[in-house]
Amino acid sequence: ILITTLLLFGYLQRQLGKQESTSRALEDSEARYRSLTNDVLDQASVGVVIHDSKKRITWINRAFEQMLSLSRGDLLGCSSEQVLEKFLSTHLEEGTTAAEAFLKDYQHSQHETGRELLLRSVGDQGAHWIEYSSQQILTGFYAGGRIEYYTDITERKRAMAEIQRRARHQEAINAVISAASQVTDLENLLDTALTPCV
């Protein structure tokens, strides 16, 4: 009996050791996951929204939170369509067909990538351009859901506008130079034609 008790005690001790090891591994894995979401994804400058298969918001990062000027707690668990509808009506210029088209496509699960939206100023943020892209989640716990990206492209839009402004300015200068050279050519022609023959 003593040997059996000692063997049983040794066995239980090994099992407890394995359980502690498994528990530590699980804690490490959870810590890595928290670090991934809190230290990496939450710090991204691109707004990220994750939806489950029922179109409920399950996670957003800080950048998206700041774009909407809403708190994460107000958005988690909400229908993404309702949040988006409120977002578009609050942030897009009135009478804009882009908002209506975007919402209609979104409601019918037609997630067009590369759509650009001009947002009016909110709080201390001036008006800015956002590019939307999305992809379906195919595997894992969120299979059937979506991950959406909202990228602030305001600086790119400003740079393009400046390039276009400079191109128009250069075209105007070229037109003046061309007109001036034609006047000079006409003066030379008249001088030649009116010069008496010797």
C-alpha atoms as a PDB file:
ATOM      1  CA  ILE A   1       0.000   0.000   0.000  1.00  0.00           C
ATOM      2  CA  LEU A   2       2.824   2.380   0.845  1.00  0.00           C
ATOM      3  CA  ILE A   3       4.436   1.826  -2.575  1.00  0.00           C
ATOM      4  CA  THR A   4       1.116   2.313  -4.323  1.00  0.00           C
ATOM      5  CA  THR A   5       0.530   5.529  -2.373  1.00  0.00           C
ATOM      6  CA  LEU A   6       4.006   6.798  -3.244  1.00  0.00           C
ATOM      7  CA  LEU A   7       3.519   5.942  -6.907  1.00  0.00           C
ATOM      8  CA  LEU A   8       0.123   7.662  -6.922  1.00  0.00           C
ATOM      9  CA  PHE A   9       1.604  10.674  -5.168  1.00  0.00           C
ATOM     10  CA  GLY A  10       4.423  10.861  -7.757  1.00  0.00           C
ATOM     11  CA  TYR A  11       1.926  10.544 -10.597  1.00  0.00           C
ATOM     12  CA  LEU A  12      -0.266  13.348  -9.170  1.00  0.00           C
ATOM     13  CA  GLN A  13       2.778  15.544  -8.704  1.00  0.00           C
ATOM     14  CA  ARG A  14       3.791  15.078 -12.368  1.00  0.00           C
ATOM     15  CA  GLN A  15       0.226  15.840 -13.502  1.00  0.00           C
ATOM     16  CA  LEU A  16       0.157  19.019 -11.418  1.00  0.00           C
ATOM     17  CA  GLY A  17       3.501  20.026 -12.931  1.00  0.00           C
ATOM     18  CA  LYS A  18       2.139  19.473 -16.429  1.00  0.00           C
ATOM     19  CA  GLN A  19      -1.009  21.439 -15.550  1.00  0.00           C
ATOM     20  CA  GLU A  20       1.089  24.330 -14.221  1.00  0.00           C
ATOM     21  CA  SER A  21       3.225  24.251 -17.360  1.00  0.00           C
ATOM     22  CA  THR A  22       0.109  24.259 -19.561  1.00  0.00           C
ATOM     23  CA  SER A  23      -1.368  27.081 -17.520  1.00  0.00           C
ATOM     24  CA  ARG A  24       1.840  29.146 -17.904  1.00  0.00           C
ATOM     25  CA  ALA A  25       1.870  28.473 -21.662  1.00  0.00           C
ATOM     26  CA  LEU A  26      -1.757  29.610 -21.899  1.00  0.00           C
ATOM     27  CA  GLU A  27      -0.989  32.770 -19.933  1.00  0.00           C
ATOM     28  CA  ASP A  28       1.996  33.473 -22.195  1.00  0.00           C
ATOM     29  CA  SER A  29      -0.148  32.960 -25.279  1.00  0.00           C
ATOM     30  CA  GLU A  30      -2.818  35.325 -23.941  1.00  0.00           C
ATOM     31  CA  ALA A  31      -0.145  37.914 -23.107  1.00  0.00           C
ATOM     32  CA  ARG A  32       1.240  37.678 -26.676  1.00  0.00           C
ATOM     33  CA  TYR A  33      -2.286  38.120 -28.073  1.00  0.00           C
ATOM     34  CA  ARG A  34      -2.922  41.162 -25.862  1.00  0.00           C
ATOM     35  CA  SER A  35       0.419  42.597 -26.955  1.00  0.00           C
ATOM     36  CA  LEU A  36      -0.463  42.015 -30.610  1.00  0.00           C
ATOM     37  CA  THR A  37      -3.784  43.816 -30.304  1.00  0.00           C
ATOM     38  CA  ASN A  38      -2.748  46.514 -27.818  1.00  0.00           C
ATOM     39  CA  ASP A  39       0.818  47.223 -28.862  1.00  0.00           C
ATOM     40  CA  VAL A  40       0.655  46.586 -32.602  1.00  0.00           C
ATOM     41  CA  LEU A  41      -2.826  46.785 -34.127  1.00  0.00           C
ATOM     42  CA  ASP A  42      -4.119  49.419 -31.719  1.00  0.00           C
ATOM     43  CA  GLN A  43      -1.142  51.678 -32.534  1.00  0.00           C
ATOM     44  CA  ALA A  44      -1.626  51.484 -36.322  1.00  0.00           C
ATOM     45  CA  SER A  45      -2.380  54.748 -38.115  1.00  0.00           C
ATOM     46  CA  VAL A  46      -4.936  52.965 -40.311  1.00  0.00           C
ATOM     47  CA  GLY A  47      -8.403  52.562 -38.793  1.00  0.00           C
ATOM     48  CA  VAL A  48      -9.216  48.871 -38.339  1.00  0.00           C
ATOM     49  CA  VAL A  49     -12.671  47.418 -37.649  1.00  0.00           C
ATOM     50  CA  ILE A  50     -13.438  43.719 -37.203  1.00  0.00           C
ATOM     51  CA  HIS A  51     -16.985  42.387 -37.611  1.00  0.00           C
ATOM     52  CA  ASP A  52     -18.324  38.963 -36.799  1.00  0.00           C
ATOM     53  CA  SER A  53     -20.476  36.948 -39.204  1.00  0.00           C
ATOM     54  CA  LYS A  54     -23.600  38.719 -37.880  1.00  0.00           C
ATOM     55  CA  LYS A  55     -22.125  42.140 -38.816  1.00  0.00           C
ATOM     56  CA  ARG A  56     -21.556  43.167 -35.198  1.00  0.00           C
ATOM     57  CA  ILE A  57     -18.443  45.140 -34.350  1.00  0.00           C
ATOM     58  CA  THR A  58     -16.137  42.976 -32.265  1.00  0.00           C
ATOM     59  CA  TRP A  59     -12.980  45.104 -32.234  1.00  0.00           C
ATOM     60  CA  ILE A  60     -11.781  48.511 -33.382  1.00  0.00           C
ATOM     61  CA  ASN A  61      -8.444  50.214 -33.011  1.00  0.00           C
ATOM     62  CA  ARG A  62      -7.656  53.655 -31.652  1.00  0.00           C
ATOM     63  CA  ALA A  63      -7.253  55.247 -35.118  1.00  0.00           C
ATOM     64  CA  PHE A  64     -10.817  54.343 -36.101  1.00  0.00           C
ATOM     65  CA  GLU A  65     -12.075  55.517 -32.727  1.00  0.00           C
ATOM     66  CA  GLN A  66     -10.449  58.903 -33.355  1.00  0.00           C
ATOM     67  CA  MET A  67     -11.853  59.147 -36.905  1.00  0.00           C
ATOM     68  CA  LEU A  68     -15.382  58.824 -35.553  1.00  0.00           C
ATOM     69  CA  SER A  69     -14.726  60.813 -32.379  1.00  0.00           C
ATOM     70  CA  LEU A  70     -16.546  58.058 -30.483  1.00  0.00           C
ATOM     71  CA  SER A  71     -15.415  55.710 -27.767  1.00  0.00           C
ATOM     72  CA  ARG A  72     -14.744  52.066 -28.412  1.00  0.00           C
ATOM     73  CA  GLY A  73     -17.197  51.111 -25.687  1.00  0.00           C
ATOM     74  CA  ASP A  74     -20.022  52.810 -27.597  1.00  0.00           C
ATOM     75  CA  LEU A  75     -19.270  50.770 -30.725  1.00  0.00           C
ATOM     76  CA  LEU A  76     -18.419  47.235 -29.598  1.00  0.00           C
ATOM     77  CA  GLY A  77     -21.294  44.824 -30.098  1.00  0.00           C
ATOM     78  CA  CYS A  78     -23.257  47.292 -32.244  1.00  0.00           C
ATOM     79  CA  SER A  79     -24.473  46.561 -35.731  1.00  0.00           C
ATOM     80  CA  SER A  80     -21.809  47.767 -38.161  1.00  0.00           C
ATOM     81  CA  GLU A  81     -24.521  49.040 -40.527  1.00  0.00           C
ATOM     82  CA  GLN A  82     -26.082  51.228 -37.828  1.00  0.00           C
ATOM     83  CA  VAL A  83     -22.716  52.646 -36.797  1.00  0.00           C
ATOM     84  CA  LEU A  84     -21.772  53.238 -40.427  1.00  0.00           C
ATOM     85  CA  GLU A  85     -25.098  54.924 -41.183  1.00  0.00           C
ATOM     86  CA  LYS A  86     -24.639  57.246 -38.197  1.00  0.00           C
ATOM     87  CA  PHE A  87     -21.004  57.818 -39.143  1.00  0.00           C
ATOM     88  CA  LEU A  88     -21.847  58.713 -42.744  1.00  0.00           C
ATOM     89  CA  SER A  89     -24.730  61.015 -41.833  1.00  0.00           C
ATOM     90  CA  THR A  90     -22.547  62.795 -39.265  1.00  0.00           C
ATOM     91  CA  HIS A  91     -19.322  63.028 -41.241  1.00  0.00           C
ATOM     92  CA  LEU A  92     -20.145  63.284 -44.955  1.00  0.00           C
ATOM     93  CA  GLU A  93     -21.189  66.448 -46.705  1.00  0.00           C
ATOM     94  CA  GLU A  94     -24.961  66.793 -47.043  1.00  0.00           C
ATOM     95  CA  GLY A  95     -26.541  65.770 -50.316  1.00  0.00           C
ATOM     96  CA  THR A  96     -23.549  63.684 -51.226  1.00  0.00           C
ATOM     97  CA  THR A  97     -24.422  60.647 -53.284  1.00  0.00           C
ATOM     98  CA  ALA A  98     -21.180  58.954 -52.226  1.00  0.00           C
ATOM     99  CA  ALA A  99     -22.586  58.348 -48.744  1.00  0.00           C
ATOM    100  CA  GLU A 100     -25.833  56.889 -50.054  1.00  0.00           C
ATOM    101  CA  ALA A 101     -24.052  54.678 -52.607  1.00  0.00           C
ATOM    102  CA  PHE A 102     -21.510  53.502 -50.035  1.00  0.00           C
ATOM    103  CA  LEU A 103     -24.193  52.623 -47.476  1.00  0.00           C
ATOM    104  CA  LYS A 104     -26.347  50.851 -50.079  1.00  0.00           C
ATOM    105  CA  ASP A 105     -23.371  48.765 -51.250  1.00  0.00           C
ATOM    106  CA  TYR A 106     -22.384  48.054 -47.664  1.00  0.00           C
ATOM    107  CA  GLN A 107     -25.884  46.858 -46.725  1.00  0.00           C
ATOM    108  CA  HIS A 108     -25.875  44.492 -49.702  1.00  0.00           C
ATOM    109  CA  SER A 109     -22.414  43.137 -48.760  1.00  0.00           C
ATOM    110  CA  GLN A 110     -20.788  44.704 -51.812  1.00  0.00           C
ATOM    111  CA  HIS A 111     -17.626  45.939 -50.154  1.00  0.00           C
ATOM    112  CA  GLU A 112     -15.904  47.930 -52.869  1.00  0.00           C
ATOM    113  CA  THR A 113     -12.238  48.365 -52.059  1.00  0.00           C
ATOM    114  CA  GLY A 114     -10.591  51.692 -52.723  1.00  0.00           C
ATOM    115  CA  ARG A 115     -13.689  53.845 -52.222  1.00  0.00           C
ATOM    116  CA  GLU A 116     -12.789  57.386 -51.190  1.00  0.00           C
ATOM    117  CA  LEU A 117     -14.954  59.494 -48.906  1.00  0.00           C
ATOM    118  CA  LEU A 118     -14.574  63.160 -47.956  1.00  0.00           C
ATOM    119  CA  LEU A 119     -15.352  63.660 -44.279  1.00  0.00           C
ATOM    120  CA  ARG A 120     -16.270  67.051 -42.924  1.00  0.00           C
ATOM    121  CA  SER A 121     -14.478  68.394 -39.904  1.00  0.00           C
ATOM    122  CA  VAL A 122     -15.316  66.855 -36.546  1.00  0.00           C
ATOM    123  CA  GLY A 123     -14.123  68.276 -33.255  1.00  0.00           C
ATOM    124  CA  ASP A 124     -10.555  69.497 -33.647  1.00  0.00           C
ATOM    125  CA  GLN A 125     -10.069  67.541 -36.894  1.00  0.00           C
ATOM    126  CA  GLY A 126     -10.369  69.423 -40.149  1.00  0.00           C
ATOM    127  CA  ALA A 127     -12.061  67.920 -43.182  1.00  0.00           C
ATOM    128  CA  HIS A 128     -10.176  64.880 -44.412  1.00  0.00           C
ATOM    129  CA  TRP A 129     -10.286  62.126 -47.015  1.00  0.00           C
ATOM    130  CA  ILE A 130     -10.675  58.469 -46.051  1.00  0.00           C
ATOM    131  CA  GLU A 131     -10.070  55.449 -48.288  1.00  0.00           C
ATOM    132  CA  TYR A 132     -12.089  52.348 -47.400  1.00  0.00           C
ATOM    133  CA  SER A 133     -11.048  48.777 -48.092  1.00  0.00           C
ATOM    134  CA  SER A 134     -12.354  45.487 -46.765  1.00  0.00           C
ATOM    135  CA  GLN A 135     -11.833  41.776 -46.914  1.00  0.00           C
ATOM    136  CA  GLN A 136     -13.822  38.804 -45.743  1.00  0.00           C
ATOM    137  CA  ILE A 137     -12.461  36.671 -42.913  1.00  0.00           C
ATOM    138  CA  LEU A 138     -12.407  33.125 -44.268  1.00  0.00           C
ATOM    139  CA  THR A 139     -11.150  31.028 -41.357  1.00  0.00           C
ATOM    140  CA  GLY A 140     -11.025  30.887 -37.595  1.00  0.00           C
ATOM    141  CA  PHE A 141     -13.302  32.198 -34.906  1.00  0.00           C
ATOM    142  CA  TYR A 142     -14.442  35.195 -37.010  1.00  0.00           C
ATOM    143  CA  ALA A 143     -15.007  33.268 -40.264  1.00  0.00           C
ATOM    144  CA  GLY A 144     -17.785  34.943 -42.236  1.00  0.00           C
ATOM    145  CA  GLY A 145     -16.987  38.314 -40.706  1.00  0.00           C
ATOM    146  CA  ARG A 146     -15.001  41.157 -42.223  1.00  0.00           C
ATOM    147  CA  ILE A 147     -11.943  43.211 -41.488  1.00  0.00           C
ATOM    148  CA  GLU A 148     -12.172  46.771 -42.720  1.00  0.00           C
ATOM    149  CA  TYR A 149      -9.468  49.373 -43.147  1.00  0.00           C
ATOM    150  CA  TYR A 150      -9.995  53.128 -43.138  1.00  0.00           C
ATOM    151  CA  THR A 151      -6.906  55.010 -44.324  1.00  0.00           C
ATOM    152  CA  ASP A 152      -6.570  58.780 -44.040  1.00  0.00           C
ATOM    153  CA  ILE A 153      -5.433  59.891 -47.508  1.00  0.00           C
ATOM    154  CA  THR A 154      -5.793  63.634 -46.929  1.00  0.00           C
ATOM    155  CA  GLU A 155      -2.112  64.404 -47.522  1.00  0.00           C
ATOM    156  CA  ARG A 156      -2.114  62.394 -50.754  1.00  0.00           C
ATOM    157  CA  LYS A 157      -5.198  64.305 -51.948  1.00  0.00           C
ATOM    158  CA  ARG A 158      -3.589  67.639 -51.043  1.00  0.00           C
ATOM    159  CA  ALA A 159      -0.400  66.697 -52.897  1.00  0.00           C
ATOM    160  CA  MET A 160      -2.403  65.672 -55.992  1.00  0.00           C
ATOM    161  CA  ALA A 161      -4.357  68.955 -55.886  1.00  0.00           C
ATOM    162  CA  GLU A 162      -1.082  70.893 -55.659  1.00  0.00           C
ATOM    163  CA  ILE A 163       0.365  68.965 -58.618  1.00  0.00           C
ATOM    164  CA  GLN A 164      -2.761  69.722 -60.655  1.00  0.00           C
ATOM    165  CA  ARG A 165      -2.639  73.418 -59.634  1.00  0.00           C
ATOM    166  CA  ARG A 166       1.004  73.644 -60.718  1.00  0.00           C
ATOM    167  CA  ALA A 167       0.248  71.874 -64.017  1.00  0.00           C
ATOM    168  CA  ARG A 168      -2.544  74.394 -64.766  1.00  0.00           C
ATOM    169  CA  HIS A 169      -0.185  77.234 -63.868  1.00  0.00           C
ATOM    170  CA  GLN A 170       2.516  75.820 -66.179  1.00  0.00           C
ATOM    171  CA  GLU A 171      -0.025  75.467 -69.019  1.00  0.00           C
ATOM    172  CA  ALA A 172      -0.969  79.148 -68.575  1.00  0.00           C
ATOM    173  CA  ILE A 173       2.709  80.186 -68.690  1.00  0.00           C
ATOM    174  CA  ASN A 174       3.241  78.052 -71.821  1.00  0.00           C
ATOM    175  CA  ALA A 175       0.232  79.699 -73.484  1.00  0.00           C
ATOM    176  CA  VAL A 176       1.614  83.193 -72.740  1.00  0.00           C
ATOM    177  CA  ILE A 177       5.061  82.218 -74.064  1.00  0.00           C
ATOM    178  CA  SER A 178       3.504  80.767 -77.208  1.00  0.00           C
ATOM    179  CA  ALA A 179       1.414  83.898 -77.769  1.00  0.00           C
ATOM    180  CA  ALA A 180       4.441  86.132 -77.191  1.00  0.00           C
ATOM    181  CA  SER A 181       6.547  84.174 -79.675  1.00  0.00           C
ATOM    182  CA  GLN A 182       3.796  84.486 -82.291  1.00  0.00           C
ATOM    183  CA  VAL A 183       3.717  88.256 -81.793  1.00  0.00           C
ATOM    184  CA  THR A 184       7.512  88.412 -82.201  1.00  0.00           C
ATOM    185  CA  ASP A 185       7.318  86.307 -85.381  1.00  0.00           C
ATOM    186  CA  LEU A 186       4.585  88.599 -86.751  1.00  0.00           C
ATOM    187  CA  GLU A 187       6.685  91.684 -86.022  1.00  0.00           C
ATOM    188  CA  ASN A 188       9.674  90.148 -87.861  1.00  0.00           C
ATOM    189  CA  LEU A 189       7.450  89.260 -90.821  1.00  0.00           C
ATOM    190  CA  LEU A 190       6.030  92.773 -91.001  1.00  0.00           C
ATOM    191  CA  ASP A 191       9.501  94.310 -90.715  1.00  0.00           C
ATOM    192  CA  THR A 192      10.678  92.145 -93.621  1.00  0.00           C
ATOM    193  CA  ALA A 193       7.613  92.875 -95.732  1.00  0.00           C
ATOM    194  CA  LEU A 194       7.715  96.604 -95.139  1.00  0.00           C
ATOM    195  CA  THR A 195      11.468  97.029 -95.575  1.00  0.00           C
ATOM    196  CA  PRO A 196      12.068  98.809 -98.896  1.00  0.00           C
ATOM    197  CA  CYS A 197      13.973  96.870-101.478  1.00  0.00           C
ATOM    198  CA  VAL A 198      17.374  98.285-102.211  1.00  0.00           C
END
